[in-house]
N, C-alpha and C. Protein backbone atom coordinates (compact mmCIF):
# COMPACT_ATOMS: atom_id res chain seq x y z
N UNK A 1 0.84 -1.18 0.00
CA UNK A 1 0.00 0.00 0.00
C UNK A 1 0.89 1.25 0.00
N UNK A 2 0.57 2.18 -0.85
CA UNK A 2 1.34 3.41 -0.95
C UNK A 2 1.11 4.30 0.26
N UNK A 3 2.17 5.01 0.65
CA UNK A 3 2.04 5.96 1.75
C UNK A 3 1.17 7.13 1.32
N UNK A 4 0.47 7.71 2.28
CA UNK A 4 -0.36 8.88 2.02
C UNK A 4 0.46 10.12 2.38
N UNK A 5 0.92 10.83 1.38
CA UNK A 5 1.71 12.03 1.59
C UNK A 5 0.82 13.26 1.47
N UNK A 6 1.18 14.34 2.19
CA UNK A 6 0.41 15.57 2.03
C UNK A 6 0.56 16.12 0.62
N UNK A 7 -0.49 16.73 0.13
CA UNK A 7 -0.44 17.35 -1.18
C UNK A 7 -0.05 18.81 -1.03
N UNK A 8 0.70 19.30 -2.01
CA UNK A 8 1.18 20.67 -1.97
C UNK A 8 0.97 21.29 -3.35
N UNK A 9 0.00 22.20 -3.46
CA UNK A 9 -0.22 22.83 -4.77
C UNK A 9 0.99 23.69 -5.15
N UNK A 10 1.38 23.62 -6.39
CA UNK A 10 2.56 24.34 -6.85
C UNK A 10 2.19 25.19 -8.06
N UNK A 11 2.42 26.49 -7.95
CA UNK A 11 2.22 27.37 -9.09
C UNK A 11 3.55 27.48 -9.80
N UNK A 12 3.55 27.19 -11.10
CA UNK A 12 4.79 27.18 -11.86
C UNK A 12 4.52 27.64 -13.28
N UNK A 13 5.47 28.35 -13.83
CA UNK A 13 5.38 28.79 -15.22
C UNK A 13 5.18 27.55 -16.11
N UNK A 14 4.19 27.58 -16.99
CA UNK A 14 3.92 26.41 -17.84
C UNK A 14 5.12 25.95 -18.66
N UNK A 15 5.98 26.87 -19.07
CA UNK A 15 7.17 26.48 -19.83
C UNK A 15 8.11 25.62 -18.98
N UNK A 16 8.27 26.00 -17.70
CA UNK A 16 9.12 25.21 -16.81
C UNK A 16 8.49 23.85 -16.53
N UNK A 17 7.18 23.84 -16.39
CA UNK A 17 6.50 22.57 -16.14
C UNK A 17 6.66 21.63 -17.33
N UNK A 18 6.53 22.16 -18.53
CA UNK A 18 6.73 21.33 -19.73
C UNK A 18 8.15 20.78 -19.77
N UNK A 19 9.12 21.61 -19.43
CA UNK A 19 10.51 21.15 -19.42
C UNK A 19 10.72 20.09 -18.34
N UNK A 20 10.08 20.28 -17.19
CA UNK A 20 10.19 19.30 -16.11
C UNK A 20 9.57 17.97 -16.54
N UNK A 21 8.45 18.03 -17.24
CA UNK A 21 7.83 16.80 -17.76
C UNK A 21 8.76 16.09 -18.72
N UNK A 22 9.44 16.85 -19.56
CA UNK A 22 10.39 16.28 -20.52
C UNK A 22 11.53 15.58 -19.78
N UNK A 23 12.11 16.28 -18.80
CA UNK A 23 13.23 15.72 -18.03
C UNK A 23 12.78 14.48 -17.26
N UNK A 24 11.60 14.55 -16.65
CA UNK A 24 11.08 13.41 -15.90
C UNK A 24 10.94 12.20 -16.82
N UNK A 25 10.41 12.41 -18.00
CA UNK A 25 10.26 11.32 -18.95
C UNK A 25 11.62 10.73 -19.33
N UNK A 26 12.60 11.59 -19.56
CA UNK A 26 13.96 11.12 -19.89
C UNK A 26 14.55 10.27 -18.77
N UNK A 27 14.18 10.60 -17.52
CA UNK A 27 14.69 9.87 -16.36
C UNK A 27 13.78 8.72 -15.93
N UNK A 28 12.70 8.49 -16.68
CA UNK A 28 11.81 7.38 -16.37
C UNK A 28 11.00 7.59 -15.10
N UNK A 29 10.71 8.85 -14.80
CA UNK A 29 9.95 9.17 -13.59
C UNK A 29 8.70 9.96 -13.95
N UNK A 30 7.78 10.00 -12.99
CA UNK A 30 6.65 10.91 -13.13
C UNK A 30 7.17 12.32 -12.87
N UNK A 31 6.42 13.30 -13.29
CA UNK A 31 6.81 14.69 -13.03
C UNK A 31 6.90 14.94 -11.54
N UNK A 32 5.95 14.41 -10.79
CA UNK A 32 5.94 14.58 -9.34
C UNK A 32 7.21 14.00 -8.71
N UNK A 33 7.60 12.79 -9.12
CA UNK A 33 8.80 12.16 -8.56
C UNK A 33 10.06 12.94 -8.95
N UNK A 34 10.07 13.49 -10.15
CA UNK A 34 11.23 14.27 -10.58
C UNK A 34 11.37 15.52 -9.72
N UNK A 35 10.26 16.19 -9.45
CA UNK A 35 10.29 17.37 -8.58
C UNK A 35 10.72 16.97 -7.17
N UNK A 36 10.21 15.84 -6.69
CA UNK A 36 10.60 15.35 -5.36
C UNK A 36 12.11 15.10 -5.30
N UNK A 37 12.68 14.51 -6.34
CA UNK A 37 14.12 14.25 -6.38
C UNK A 37 14.92 15.56 -6.34
N UNK A 38 14.43 16.58 -7.04
CA UNK A 38 15.10 17.88 -7.01
C UNK A 38 15.05 18.50 -5.61
N UNK A 39 13.91 18.37 -4.96
CA UNK A 39 13.77 18.90 -3.60
C UNK A 39 14.73 18.18 -2.65
N UNK A 40 14.79 16.86 -2.76
CA UNK A 40 15.70 16.08 -1.91
C UNK A 40 17.14 16.50 -2.15
N UNK A 41 17.53 16.66 -3.40
CA UNK A 41 18.90 17.08 -3.74
C UNK A 41 19.19 18.46 -3.16
N UNK A 42 18.23 19.37 -3.27
CA UNK A 42 18.41 20.73 -2.75
C UNK A 42 18.58 20.72 -1.23
N UNK A 43 17.76 19.93 -0.54
CA UNK A 43 17.86 19.85 0.92
C UNK A 43 19.21 19.27 1.32
N UNK A 44 19.67 18.24 0.64
CA UNK A 44 20.98 17.65 0.96
C UNK A 44 22.10 18.67 0.77
N UNK A 45 22.04 19.44 -0.31
CA UNK A 45 23.05 20.47 -0.56
C UNK A 45 23.00 21.55 0.52
N UNK A 46 21.79 21.96 0.89
CA UNK A 46 21.62 22.97 1.94
C UNK A 46 22.22 22.47 3.25
N UNK A 47 21.88 21.24 3.62
CA UNK A 47 22.36 20.69 4.88
C UNK A 47 23.86 20.44 4.86
N UNK A 48 24.41 20.16 3.70
CA UNK A 48 25.86 20.00 3.59
C UNK A 48 26.56 21.32 3.89
N UNK A 49 25.95 22.42 3.47
CA UNK A 49 26.53 23.75 3.68
C UNK A 49 26.26 24.28 5.08
N UNK A 50 25.02 24.13 5.55
CA UNK A 50 24.59 24.79 6.79
C UNK A 50 24.36 23.85 7.96
N UNK A 51 24.49 22.57 7.75
CA UNK A 51 24.24 21.60 8.81
C UNK A 51 22.83 21.02 8.70
N UNK A 52 22.68 19.86 9.31
CA UNK A 52 21.40 19.16 9.22
C UNK A 52 20.29 19.95 9.90
N UNK A 53 19.15 19.97 9.27
CA UNK A 53 17.96 20.59 9.86
C UNK A 53 17.34 19.55 10.78
N UNK A 54 17.38 19.84 12.07
CA UNK A 54 16.88 18.90 13.07
C UNK A 54 15.38 19.08 13.27
N UNK A 55 14.75 18.05 13.82
CA UNK A 55 13.31 18.10 14.10
C UNK A 55 12.98 19.31 14.98
N UNK A 56 13.85 19.59 15.95
CA UNK A 56 13.63 20.73 16.85
C UNK A 56 13.65 22.05 16.09
N UNK A 57 14.51 22.15 15.07
CA UNK A 57 14.57 23.36 14.25
C UNK A 57 13.24 23.57 13.52
N UNK A 58 12.70 22.49 13.00
CA UNK A 58 11.44 22.57 12.26
C UNK A 58 10.30 22.94 13.21
N UNK A 59 10.28 22.31 14.38
CA UNK A 59 9.24 22.63 15.36
C UNK A 59 9.31 24.09 15.78
N UNK A 60 10.53 24.59 16.02
CA UNK A 60 10.71 25.99 16.41
C UNK A 60 10.22 26.92 15.29
N UNK A 61 10.55 26.57 14.07
CA UNK A 61 10.13 27.37 12.91
C UNK A 61 8.61 27.49 12.86
N UNK A 62 7.92 26.36 12.99
CA UNK A 62 6.46 26.39 12.89
C UNK A 62 5.82 27.11 14.08
N UNK A 63 6.42 26.99 15.26
CA UNK A 63 5.91 27.72 16.43
C UNK A 63 6.07 29.22 16.23
N UNK A 64 7.16 29.63 15.59
CA UNK A 64 7.41 31.06 15.39
C UNK A 64 6.44 31.68 14.39
N UNK A 65 5.79 30.84 13.59
CA UNK A 65 4.81 31.35 12.64
C UNK A 65 3.51 31.77 13.32
N UNK A 66 3.33 31.26 14.52
CA UNK A 66 2.14 31.65 15.29
C UNK A 66 1.09 30.68 15.22
């Protein structure tokens, strides 16, 4: 059974979306999975530079939003 992930609406320029669909197809992935892979790569690069984002950091961030 597939996991139930939260949905996140994304507004994106149609030209970029078309290009993302093309790249996803070249990589044998759905567009959604391709975007997910990019997000994962970005987070890893961020954490490599600035350190791992801990659960406590995320909780503090959301509490600060009010």
